[in-house]
Amino acid sequence: AVLADIAGSGVVRHIWMTPTGNWRYSIVRIYWDDCAVASVECPAGDFF
């Protein structure tokens, strides 16, 4: 699922989420600018 796709310049200030299921099996990825690879790639549970 794409949670956010923001165009322009700015700053992410806060992220809140509450996934069900096994938190190790929900993988969060964040991509900056036009980079094809994620700069953040972690299971949601471990990231938080």
All heavy atoms as atom14 arrays in JSON, in Angstrom:
{
  "sequence": "AVLADIAGSGVVRHIWMTPTGNWRYSIVRIYWDDCAVASVECPAGDFF",
  "atom14_mask": [
    [1, 1, 1, 1, 1, 0, 0, 0, 0, 0, 0, 0, 0, 0],
    [1, 1, 1, 1, 1, 1, 1, 0, 0, 0, 0, 0, 0, 0],
    [1, 1, 1, 1, 1, 1, 1, 1, 0, 0, 0, 0, 0, 0],
    [1, 1, 1, 1, 1, 0, 0, 0, 0, 0, 0, 0, 0, 0],
    [1, 1, 1, 1, 1, 1, 1, 1, 0, 0, 0, 0, 0, 0],
    [1, 1, 1, 1, 1, 1, 1, 1, 0, 0, 0, 0, 0, 0],
    [1, 1, 1, 1, 1, 0, 0, 0, 0, 0, 0, 0, 0, 0],
    [1, 1, 1, 1, 0, 0, 0, 0, 0, 0, 0, 0, 0, 0],
    [1, 1, 1, 1, 1, 1, 0, 0, 0, 0, 0, 0, 0, 0],
    [1, 1, 1, 1, 0, 0, 0, 0, 0, 0, 0, 0, 0, 0],
    [1, 1, 1, 1, 1, 1, 1, 0, 0, 0, 0, 0, 0, 0],
    [1, 1, 1, 1, 1, 1, 1, 0, 0, 0, 0, 0, 0, 0],
    [1, 1, 1, 1, 1, 1, 1, 1, 1, 1, 1, 0, 0, 0],
    [1, 1, 1, 1, 1, 1, 1, 1, 1, 1, 0, 0, 0, 0],
    [1, 1, 1, 1, 1, 1, 1, 1, 0, 0, 0, 0, 0, 0],
    [1, 1, 1, 1, 1, 1, 1, 1, 1, 1, 1, 1, 1, 1],
    [1, 1, 1, 1, 1, 1, 1, 1, 0, 0, 0, 0, 0, 0],
    [1, 1, 1, 1, 1, 1, 1, 0, 0, 0, 0, 0, 0, 0],
    [1, 1, 1, 1, 1, 1, 1, 0, 0, 0, 0, 0, 0, 0],
    [1, 1, 1, 1, 1, 1, 1, 0, 0, 0, 0, 0, 0, 0],
    [1, 1, 1, 1, 0, 0, 0, 0, 0, 0, 0, 0, 0, 0],
    [1, 1, 1, 1, 1, 1, 1, 1, 0, 0, 0, 0, 0, 0],
    [1, 1, 1, 1, 1, 1, 1, 1, 1, 1, 1, 1, 1, 1],
    [1, 1, 1, 1, 1, 1, 1, 1, 1, 1, 1, 0, 0, 0],
    [1, 1, 1, 1, 1, 1, 1, 1, 1, 1, 1, 1, 0, 0],
    [1, 1, 1, 1, 1, 1, 0, 0, 0, 0, 0, 0, 0, 0],
    [1, 1, 1, 1, 1, 1, 1, 1, 0, 0, 0, 0, 0, 0],
    [1, 1, 1, 1, 1, 1, 1, 0, 0, 0, 0, 0, 0, 0],
    [1, 1, 1, 1, 1, 1, 1, 1, 1, 1, 1, 0, 0, 0],
    [1, 1, 1, 1, 1, 1, 1, 1, 0, 0, 0, 0, 0, 0],
    [1, 1, 1, 1, 1, 1, 1, 1, 1, 1, 1, 1, 0, 0],
    [1, 1, 1, 1, 1, 1, 1, 1, 1, 1, 1, 1, 1, 1],
    [1, 1, 1, 1, 1, 1, 1, 1, 0, 0, 0, 0, 0, 0],
    [1, 1, 1, 1, 1, 1, 1, 1, 0, 0, 0, 0, 0, 0],
    [1, 1, 1, 1, 1, 1, 0, 0, 0, 0, 0, 0, 0, 0],
    [1, 1, 1, 1, 1, 0, 0, 0, 0, 0, 0, 0, 0, 0],
    [1, 1, 1, 1, 1, 1, 1, 0, 0, 0, 0, 0, 0, 0],
    [1, 1, 1, 1, 1, 0, 0, 0, 0, 0, 0, 0, 0, 0],
    [1, 1, 1, 1, 1, 1, 0, 0, 0, 0, 0, 0, 0, 0],
    [1, 1, 1, 1, 1, 1, 1, 0, 0, 0, 0, 0, 0, 0],
    [1, 1, 1, 1, 1, 1, 1, 1, 1, 0, 0, 0, 0, 0],
    [1, 1, 1, 1, 1, 1, 0, 0, 0, 0, 0, 0, 0, 0],
    [1, 1, 1, 1, 1, 1, 1, 0, 0, 0, 0, 0, 0, 0],
    [1, 1, 1, 1, 1, 0, 0, 0, 0, 0, 0, 0, 0, 0],
    [1, 1, 1, 1, 0, 0, 0, 0, 0, 0, 0, 0, 0, 0],
    [1, 1, 1, 1, 1, 1, 1, 1, 0, 0, 0, 0, 0, 0],
    [1, 1, 1, 1, 1, 1, 1, 1, 1, 1, 1, 0, 0, 0],
    [1, 1, 1, 1, 1, 1, 1, 1, 1, 1, 1, 0, 0, 0]
  ],
  "atom14_positions": [
    [[0.85, -1.19, 0.0], [0.0, 0.0, 0.0], [0.88, 1.24, 0.0], [1.89, 1.3, 0.7], [-0.91, 0.01, 1.22], [0.0, 0.0, 0.0], [0.0, 0.0, 0.0], [0.0, 0.0, 0.0], [0.0, 0.0, 0.0], [0.0, 0.0, 0.0], [0.0, 0.0, 0.0], [0.0, 0.0, 0.0], [0.0, 0.0, 0.0], [0.0, 0.0, 0.0]],
    [[0.5, 2.23, -0.8], [1.17, 3.53, -0.78], [0.47, 4.38, 0.27], [-0.7, 4.74, 0.13], [1.12, 4.21, -2.15], [1.76, 5.6, -2.08], [1.84, 3.35, -3.19], [0.0, 0.0, 0.0], [0.0, 0.0, 0.0], [0.0, 0.0, 0.0], [0.0, 0.0, 0.0], [0.0, 0.0, 0.0], [0.0, 0.0, 0.0], [0.0, 0.0, 0.0]],
    [[1.18, 4.7, 1.34], [0.59, 5.48, 2.42], [0.66, 6.97, 2.13], [-0.22, 7.72, 2.55], [1.3, 5.17, 3.75], [1.37, 3.7, 4.16], [1.93, 3.58, 5.57], [0.02, 3.02, 4.05], [0.0, 0.0, 0.0], [0.0, 0.0, 0.0], [0.0, 0.0, 0.0], [0.0, 0.0, 0.0], [0.0, 0.0, 0.0], [0.0, 0.0, 0.0]],
    [[1.73, 7.4, 1.47], [1.88, 8.82, 1.17], [2.71, 8.98, -0.09], [3.67, 8.23, -0.29], [2.54, 9.56, 2.33], [0.0, 0.0, 0.0], [0.0, 0.0, 0.0], [0.0, 0.0, 0.0], [0.0, 0.0, 0.0], [0.0, 0.0, 0.0], [0.0, 0.0, 0.0], [0.0, 0.0, 0.0], [0.0, 0.0, 0.0], [0.0, 0.0, 0.0]],
    [[2.35, 9.95, -0.91], [3.13, 10.31, -2.1], [3.05, 11.83, -2.21], [2.05, 12.37, -2.7], [2.59, 9.62, -3.34], [3.58, 9.67, -4.51], [4.53, 10.48, -4.43], [3.4, 8.91, -5.47], [0.0, 0.0, 0.0], [0.0, 0.0, 0.0], [0.0, 0.0, 0.0], [0.0, 0.0, 0.0], [0.0, 0.0, 0.0], [0.0, 0.0, 0.0]],
    [[4.08, 12.5, -1.75], [4.06, 13.95, -1.58], [5.02, 14.58, -2.57], [6.21, 14.22, -2.62], [4.49, 14.33, -0.15], [3.63, 13.58, 0.89], [4.39, 15.84, 0.06], [4.21, 13.6, 2.28], [0.0, 0.0, 0.0], [0.0, 0.0, 0.0], [0.0, 0.0, 0.0], [0.0, 0.0, 0.0], [0.0, 0.0, 0.0], [0.0, 0.0, 0.0]],
    [[4.55, 15.51, -3.35], [5.38, 16.22, -4.31], [5.81, 17.56, -3.74], [5.07, 18.2, -2.98], [4.62, 16.43, -5.62], [0.0, 0.0, 0.0], [0.0, 0.0, 0.0], [0.0, 0.0, 0.0], [0.0, 0.0, 0.0], [0.0, 0.0, 0.0], [0.0, 0.0, 0.0], [0.0, 0.0, 0.0], [0.0, 0.0, 0.0], [0.0, 0.0, 0.0]],
    [[7.01, 18.0, -4.13], [7.53, 19.27, -3.66], [8.55, 19.08, -2.57], [9.07, 17.98, -2.36], [0.0, 0.0, 0.0], [0.0, 0.0, 0.0], [0.0, 0.0, 0.0], [0.0, 0.0, 0.0], [0.0, 0.0, 0.0], [0.0, 0.0, 0.0], [0.0, 0.0, 0.0], [0.0, 0.0, 0.0], [0.0, 0.0, 0.0], [0.0, 0.0, 0.0]],
    [[8.89, 20.15, -1.88], [9.87, 20.09, -0.79], [9.16, 20.29, 0.54], [8.17, 21.02, 0.64], [10.94, 21.17, -0.97], [10.38, 22.47, -0.88], [0.0, 0.0, 0.0], [0.0, 0.0, 0.0], [0.0, 0.0, 0.0], [0.0, 0.0, 0.0], [0.0, 0.0, 0.0], [0.0, 0.0, 0.0], [0.0, 0.0, 0.0], [0.0, 0.0, 0.0]],
    [[9.68, 19.61, 1.56], [9.06, 19.71, 2.87], [9.74, 18.82, 3.88], [10.85, 18.34, 3.66], [0.0, 0.0, 0.0], [0.0, 0.0, 0.0], [0.0, 0.0, 0.0], [0.0, 0.0, 0.0], [0.0, 0.0, 0.0], [0.0, 0.0, 0.0], [0.0, 0.0, 0.0], [0.0, 0.0, 0.0], [0.0, 0.0, 0.0], [0.0, 0.0, 0.0]],
    [[9.05, 18.59, 4.99], [9.59, 17.8, 6.08], [8.48, 16.94, 6.68], [7.43, 17.47, 7.06], [10.19, 18.69, 7.2], [10.82, 17.82, 8.29], [11.21, 19.66, 6.63], [0.0, 0.0, 0.0], [0.0, 0.0, 0.0], [0.0, 0.0, 0.0], [0.0, 0.0, 0.0], [0.0, 0.0, 0.0], [0.0, 0.0, 0.0], [0.0, 0.0, 0.0]],
    [[8.68, 15.63, 6.72], [7.78, 14.77, 7.47], [8.06, 15.01, 8.95], [9.2, 14.89, 9.4], [7.98, 13.29, 7.11], [7.13, 12.39, 8.01], [7.65, 13.04, 5.64], [0.0, 0.0, 0.0], [0.0, 0.0, 0.0], [0.0, 0.0, 0.0], [0.0, 0.0, 0.0], [0.0, 0.0, 0.0], [0.0, 0.0, 0.0], [0.0, 0.0, 0.0]],
    [[7.02, 15.32, 9.71], [7.18, 15.69, 11.12], [6.78, 14.59, 12.08], [7.29, 14.5, 13.19], [6.34, 16.94, 11.42], [6.7, 18.16, 10.57], [8.03, 18.72, 10.98], [8.39, 19.9, 10.19], [9.5, 20.6, 10.42], [10.34, 20.24, 11.37], [9.8, 21.64, 9.66], [0.0, 0.0, 0.0], [0.0, 0.0, 0.0], [0.0, 0.0, 0.0]],
    [[5.83, 13.75, 11.67], [5.29, 12.75, 12.59], [4.61, 11.66, 11.77], [3.92, 11.96, 10.79], [4.27, 13.4, 13.54], [3.46, 12.43, 14.35], [2.08, 12.41, 14.3], [3.83, 11.46, 15.22], [1.63, 11.47, 15.12], [2.67, 10.87, 15.69], [0.0, 0.0, 0.0], [0.0, 0.0, 0.0], [0.0, 0.0, 0.0], [0.0, 0.0, 0.0]],
    [[4.84, 10.41, 12.17], [4.15, 9.27, 11.57], [3.51, 8.47, 12.69], [4.17, 8.13, 13.68], [5.1, 8.37, 10.76], [5.76, 9.15, 9.61], [4.36, 7.16, 10.21], [6.84, 8.36, 8.88], [0.0, 0.0, 0.0], [0.0, 0.0, 0.0], [0.0, 0.0, 0.0], [0.0, 0.0, 0.0], [0.0, 0.0, 0.0], [0.0, 0.0, 0.0]],
    [[2.22, 8.19, 12.54], [1.49, 7.33, 13.48], [0.86, 6.2, 12.7], [0.31, 6.41, 11.62], [0.4, 8.12, 14.21], [-0.61, 7.28, 14.93], [-0.51, 6.75, 16.17], [-1.9, 6.88, 14.44], [-1.64, 6.04, 16.5], [-2.52, 6.11, 15.45], [-2.58, 7.1, 13.24], [-3.79, 5.56, 15.3], [-3.85, 6.55, 13.09], [-4.44, 5.78, 14.12]],
    [[0.94, 4.99, 13.25], [0.24, 3.87, 12.63], [-0.02, 2.8, 13.67], [0.65, 2.74, 14.71], [1.03, 3.29, 11.45], [2.34, 2.63, 11.8], [3.11, 1.78, 10.38], [3.38, 3.13, 9.25], [0.0, 0.0, 0.0], [0.0, 0.0, 0.0], [0.0, 0.0, 0.0], [0.0, 0.0, 0.0], [0.0, 0.0, 0.0], [0.0, 0.0, 0.0]],
    [[-0.99, 1.95, 13.37], [-1.31, 0.85, 14.27], [-1.69, -0.39, 13.45], [-2.86, -0.73, 13.29], [-2.42, 1.24, 15.27], [-2.77, 0.11, 16.07], [-3.63, 1.82, 14.58], [0.0, 0.0, 0.0], [0.0, 0.0, 0.0], [0.0, 0.0, 0.0], [0.0, 0.0, 0.0], [0.0, 0.0, 0.0], [0.0, 0.0, 0.0], [0.0, 0.0, 0.0]],
    [[-0.69, -1.06, 12.89], [-0.97, -2.23, 12.04], [-1.39, -3.44, 12.87], [-0.9, -3.65, 13.98], [0.37, -2.48, 11.35], [1.4, -1.94, 12.3], [0.75, -0.77, 12.97], [0.0, 0.0, 0.0], [0.0, 0.0, 0.0], [0.0, 0.0, 0.0], [0.0, 0.0, 0.0], [0.0, 0.0, 0.0], [0.0, 0.0, 0.0], [0.0, 0.0, 0.0]],
    [[-2.3, -4.22, 12.32], [-2.67, -5.49, 12.95], [-1.71, -6.58, 12.47], [-0.85, -6.35, 11.62], [-4.11, -5.86, 12.6], [-4.24, -5.98, 11.17], [-5.09, -4.8, 13.1], [0.0, 0.0, 0.0], [0.0, 0.0, 0.0], [0.0, 0.0, 0.0], [0.0, 0.0, 0.0], [0.0, 0.0, 0.0], [0.0, 0.0, 0.0], [0.0, 0.0, 0.0]],
    [[-1.87, -7.78, 13.02], [-1.05, -8.91, 12.59], [0.33, -8.88, 13.19], [0.6, -8.22, 14.2], [0.0, 0.0, 0.0], [0.0, 0.0, 0.0], [0.0, 0.0, 0.0], [0.0, 0.0, 0.0], [0.0, 0.0, 0.0], [0.0, 0.0, 0.0], [0.0, 0.0, 0.0], [0.0, 0.0, 0.0], [0.0, 0.0, 0.0], [0.0, 0.0, 0.0]],
    [[1.24, -9.63, 12.56], [2.62, -9.72, 13.02], [3.39, -8.5, 12.54], [3.55, -8.28, 11.34], [3.26, -11.01, 12.47], [4.62, -11.3, 13.07], [5.41, -10.38, 13.32], [4.9, -12.56, 13.31], [0.0, 0.0, 0.0], [0.0, 0.0, 0.0], [0.0, 0.0, 0.0], [0.0, 0.0, 0.0], [0.0, 0.0, 0.0], [0.0, 0.0, 0.0]],
    [[3.9, -7.7, 13.47], [4.56, -6.44, 13.12], [5.85, -6.65, 12.35], [6.32, -5.75, 11.66], [4.83, -5.61, 14.37], [3.59, -5.27, 15.14], [2.33, -5.12, 14.63], [3.47, -5.04, 16.55], [1.43, -4.8, 15.62], [2.11, -4.75, 16.82], [4.38, -5.04, 17.6], [1.65, -4.47, 18.1], [3.92, -4.77, 18.88], [2.58, -4.48, 19.13]],
    [[6.45, -7.82, 12.45], [7.64, -8.11, 11.65], [7.31, -8.31, 10.17], [8.19, -8.23, 9.32], [8.33, -9.38, 12.18], [9.36, -9.12, 13.29], [10.78, -9.16, 12.75], [11.73, -8.64, 13.72], [12.51, -9.4, 14.49], [12.42, -10.71, 14.41], [13.36, -8.84, 15.32], [0.0, 0.0, 0.0], [0.0, 0.0, 0.0], [0.0, 0.0, 0.0]],
    [[6.04, -8.58, 9.87], [5.65, -8.88, 8.49], [5.05, -7.68, 7.77], [4.53, -7.81, 6.66], [4.66, -10.04, 8.47], [5.23, -11.36, 8.99], [4.39, -12.4, 9.37], [6.6, -11.55, 9.12], [4.89, -13.6, 9.85], [7.12, -12.74, 9.6], [6.25, -13.76, 9.97], [6.76, -14.95, 10.46], [0.0, 0.0, 0.0], [0.0, 0.0, 0.0]],
    [[5.08, -6.52, 8.4], [4.68, -5.26, 7.75], [5.94, -4.46, 7.51], [6.58, -3.99, 8.46], [3.7, -4.47, 8.63], [2.48, -5.16, 8.76], [0.0, 0.0, 0.0], [0.0, 0.0, 0.0], [0.0, 0.0, 0.0], [0.0, 0.0, 0.0], [0.0, 0.0, 0.0], [0.0, 0.0, 0.0], [0.0, 0.0, 0.0], [0.0, 0.0, 0.0]],
    [[6.32, -4.3, 6.25], [7.61, -3.68, 5.91], [7.37, -2.23, 5.48], [6.7, -1.96, 4.49], [8.32, -4.46, 4.78], [8.34, -5.96, 5.1], [9.72, -3.9, 4.58], [9.01, -6.33, 6.4], [0.0, 0.0, 0.0], [0.0, 0.0, 0.0], [0.0, 0.0, 0.0], [0.0, 0.0, 0.0], [0.0, 0.0, 0.0], [0.0, 0.0, 0.0]],
    [[7.96, -1.31, 6.24], [7.86, 0.11, 5.94], [9.04, 0.52, 5.05], [10.19, 0.19, 5.34], [7.88, 0.95, 7.23], [7.92, 2.45, 6.9], [6.68, 0.62, 8.11], [0.0, 0.0, 0.0], [0.0, 0.0, 0.0], [0.0, 0.0, 0.0], [0.0, 0.0, 0.0], [0.0, 0.0, 0.0], [0.0, 0.0, 0.0], [0.0, 0.0, 0.0]],
    [[8.73, 1.23, 3.97], [9.77, 1.78, 3.09], [9.49, 3.26, 2.84], [8.33, 3.66, 2.65], [9.84, 1.03, 1.77], [10.31, -0.42, 1.9], [10.42, -1.1, 0.54], [10.93, -2.46, 0.66], [10.16, -3.54, 0.84], [8.83, -3.4, 0.89], [10.7, -4.73, 0.95], [0.0, 0.0, 0.0], [0.0, 0.0, 0.0], [0.0, 0.0, 0.0]],
    [[10.56, 4.06, 2.83], [10.44, 5.48, 2.51], [11.46, 5.82, 1.43], [12.64, 5.48, 1.56], [10.66, 6.35, 3.76], [9.69, 5.96, 4.89], [10.47, 7.83, 3.41], [9.86, 6.74, 6.17], [0.0, 0.0, 0.0], [0.0, 0.0, 0.0], [0.0, 0.0, 0.0], [0.0, 0.0, 0.0], [0.0, 0.0, 0.0], [0.0, 0.0, 0.0]],
    [[10.98, 6.48, 0.38], [11.8, 6.86, -0.77], [11.88, 8.39, -0.81], [10.86, 9.07, -0.68], [11.18, 6.36, -2.06], [10.95, 4.86, -2.13], [9.84, 4.28, -1.51], [11.82, 4.03, -2.83], [9.62, 2.92, -1.58], [11.6, 2.67, -2.91], [10.5, 2.12, -2.29], [10.27, 0.77, -2.36], [0.0, 0.0, 0.0], [0.0, 0.0, 0.0]],
    [[13.09, 8.92, -1.02], [13.28, 10.36, -1.1], [13.53, 10.8, -2.54], [14.31, 10.17, -3.27], [14.45, 10.79, -0.22], [14.31, 10.42, 1.22], [15.19, 9.7, 1.98], [13.22, 10.75, 2.1], [14.74, 9.56, 3.26], [13.52, 10.19, 3.37], [12.03, 11.46, 1.95], [12.68, 10.34, 4.47], [11.18, 11.59, 3.04], [11.51, 11.04, 4.28]],
    [[12.9, 11.89, -2.9], [13.09, 12.53, -4.21], [12.85, 11.51, -5.33], [11.85, 10.83, -5.32], [14.47, 13.19, -4.26], [14.6, 14.31, -3.22], [13.56, 14.7, -2.65], [15.71, 14.77, -2.97], [0.0, 0.0, 0.0], [0.0, 0.0, 0.0], [0.0, 0.0, 0.0], [0.0, 0.0, 0.0], [0.0, 0.0, 0.0], [0.0, 0.0, 0.0]],
    [[13.76, 11.39, -6.26], [13.54, 10.48, -7.38], [14.34, 9.19, -7.24], [14.55, 8.46, -8.22], [13.91, 11.17, -8.69], [13.02, 12.37, -8.97], [11.81, 12.28, -8.68], [13.53, 13.4, -9.45], [0.0, 0.0, 0.0], [0.0, 0.0, 0.0], [0.0, 0.0, 0.0], [0.0, 0.0, 0.0], [0.0, 0.0, 0.0], [0.0, 0.0, 0.0]],
    [[14.79, 8.89, -6.03], [15.61, 7.69, -5.81], [14.75, 6.44, -5.95], [13.65, 6.34, -5.38], [16.26, 7.75, -4.43], [17.56, 6.52, -4.2], [0.0, 0.0, 0.0], [0.0, 0.0, 0.0], [0.0, 0.0, 0.0], [0.0, 0.0, 0.0], [0.0, 0.0, 0.0], [0.0, 0.0, 0.0], [0.0, 0.0, 0.0], [0.0, 0.0, 0.0]],
    [[15.26, 5.46, -6.7], [14.5, 4.23, -6.95], [14.58, 3.24, -5.8], [13.77, 2.32, -5.71], [15.0, 3.57, -8.23], [0.0, 0.0, 0.0], [0.0, 0.0, 0.0], [0.0, 0.0, 0.0], [0.0, 0.0, 0.0], [0.0, 0.0, 0.0], [0.0, 0.0, 0.0], [0.0, 0.0, 0.0], [0.0, 0.0, 0.0], [0.0, 0.0, 0.0]],
    [[15.57, 3.41, -4.92], [15.72, 2.5, -3.78], [15.29, 3.22, -2.52], [15.42, 4.44, -2.4], [17.16, 1.99, -3.64], [17.56, 1.16, -4.83], [18.14, 3.13, -3.42], [0.0, 0.0, 0.0], [0.0, 0.0, 0.0], [0.0, 0.0, 0.0], [0.0, 0.0, 0.0], [0.0, 0.0, 0.0], [0.0, 0.0, 0.0], [0.0, 0.0, 0.0]],
    [[14.76, 2.45, -1.58], [14.27, 3.03, -0.33], [15.42, 3.41, 0.58], [16.38, 2.66, 0.73], [13.34, 2.05, 0.37], [0.0, 0.0, 0.0], [0.0, 0.0, 0.0], [0.0, 0.0, 0.0], [0.0, 0.0, 0.0], [0.0, 0.0, 0.0], [0.0, 0.0, 0.0], [0.0, 0.0, 0.0], [0.0, 0.0, 0.0], [0.0, 0.0, 0.0]],
    [[15.3, 4.56, 1.22], [16.27, 4.97, 2.23], [15.88, 4.47, 3.61], [16.72, 4.42, 4.51], [16.4, 6.49, 2.26], [16.97, 6.97, 1.06], [0.0, 0.0, 0.0], [0.0, 0.0, 0.0], [0.0, 0.0, 0.0], [0.0, 0.0, 0.0], [0.0, 0.0, 0.0], [0.0, 0.0, 0.0], [0.0, 0.0, 0.0], [0.0, 0.0, 0.0]],
    [[14.63, 4.11, 3.79], [14.15, 3.44, 4.99], [13.54, 2.13, 4.55], [12.68, 2.1, 3.67], [13.1, 4.29, 5.74], [12.48, 3.5, 6.88], [13.72, 5.58, 6.25], [0.0, 0.0, 0.0], [0.0, 0.0, 0.0], [0.0, 0.0, 0.0], [0.0, 0.0, 0.0], [0.0, 0.0, 0.0], [0.0, 0.0, 0.0], [0.0, 0.0, 0.0]],
    [[13.98, 1.02, 5.15], [13.42, -0.29, 4.84], [13.52, -1.14, 6.1], [14.59, -1.65, 6.44], [14.15, -0.95, 3.68], [13.54, -2.3, 3.29], [14.13, -2.88, 2.02], [13.98, -2.22, 0.97], [14.74, -3.96, 2.08], [0.0, 0.0, 0.0], [0.0, 0.0, 0.0], [0.0, 0.0, 0.0], [0.0, 0.0, 0.0], [0.0, 0.0, 0.0]],
    [[12.4, -1.28, 6.82], [12.4, -1.96, 8.12], [11.04, -2.61, 8.37], [10.01, -2.06, 7.96], [12.64, -0.96, 9.26], [14.15, -0.04, 9.2], [0.0, 0.0, 0.0], [0.0, 0.0, 0.0], [0.0, 0.0, 0.0], [0.0, 0.0, 0.0], [0.0, 0.0, 0.0], [0.0, 0.0, 0.0], [0.0, 0.0, 0.0], [0.0, 0.0, 0.0]],
    [[11.02, -3.71, 9.1], [9.75, -4.16, 9.65], [9.18, -3.08, 10.55], [9.91, -2.42, 11.29], [10.13, -5.41, 10.45], [11.43, -5.86, 9.86], [12.13, -4.62, 9.44], [0.0, 0.0, 0.0], [0.0, 0.0, 0.0], [0.0, 0.0, 0.0], [0.0, 0.0, 0.0], [0.0, 0.0, 0.0], [0.0, 0.0, 0.0], [0.0, 0.0, 0.0]],
    [[7.86, -2.9, 10.49], [7.24, -1.82, 11.26], [7.52, -1.95, 12.75], [7.83, -0.95, 13.42], [5.74, -1.79, 11.0], [0.0, 0.0, 0.0], [0.0, 0.0, 0.0], [0.0, 0.0, 0.0], [0.0, 0.0, 0.0], [0.0, 0.0, 0.0], [0.0, 0.0, 0.0], [0.0, 0.0, 0.0], [0.0, 0.0, 0.0], [0.0, 0.0, 0.0]],
    [[7.41, -3.15, 13.29], [7.65, -3.32, 14.72], [9.04, -2.88, 15.13], [9.21, -2.15, 16.11], [0.0, 0.0, 0.0], [0.0, 0.0, 0.0], [0.0, 0.0, 0.0], [0.0, 0.0, 0.0], [0.0, 0.0, 0.0], [0.0, 0.0, 0.0], [0.0, 0.0, 0.0], [0.0, 0.0, 0.0], [0.0, 0.0, 0.0], [0.0, 0.0, 0.0]],
    [[10.05, -3.29, 14.38], [11.43, -2.92, 14.72], [11.67, -1.43, 14.52], [12.37, -0.8, 15.32], [12.4, -3.75, 13.89], [12.33, -5.22, 14.21], [11.43, -5.9, 13.67], [13.14, -5.7, 15.01], [0.0, 0.0, 0.0], [0.0, 0.0, 0.0], [0.0, 0.0, 0.0], [0.0, 0.0, 0.0], [0.0, 0.0, 0.0], [0.0, 0.0, 0.0]],
    [[11.11, -0.85, 13.45], [11.3, 0.57, 13.21], [10.78, 1.4, 14.38], [11.37, 2.42, 14.76], [10.58, 0.99, 11.93], [10.74, 2.44, 11.58], [11.92, 2.91, 11.04], [9.71, 3.35, 11.81], [12.08, 4.26, 10.72], [9.86, 4.69, 11.48], [11.04, 5.14, 10.94], [0.0, 0.0, 0.0], [0.0, 0.0, 0.0], [0.0, 0.0, 0.0]],
    [[9.68, 0.95, 14.99], [9.11, 1.64, 16.14], [9.53, 1.0, 17.46], [8.83, 1.14, 18.48], [7.59, 1.68, 16.02], [7.09, 2.55, 14.91], [6.77, 1.99, 13.67], [6.92, 3.91, 15.07], [6.29, 2.78, 12.63], [6.45, 4.7, 14.04], [6.13, 4.15, 12.81], [0.0, 0.0, 0.0], [0.0, 0.0, 0.0], [0.0, 0.0, 0.0]]
  ]
}
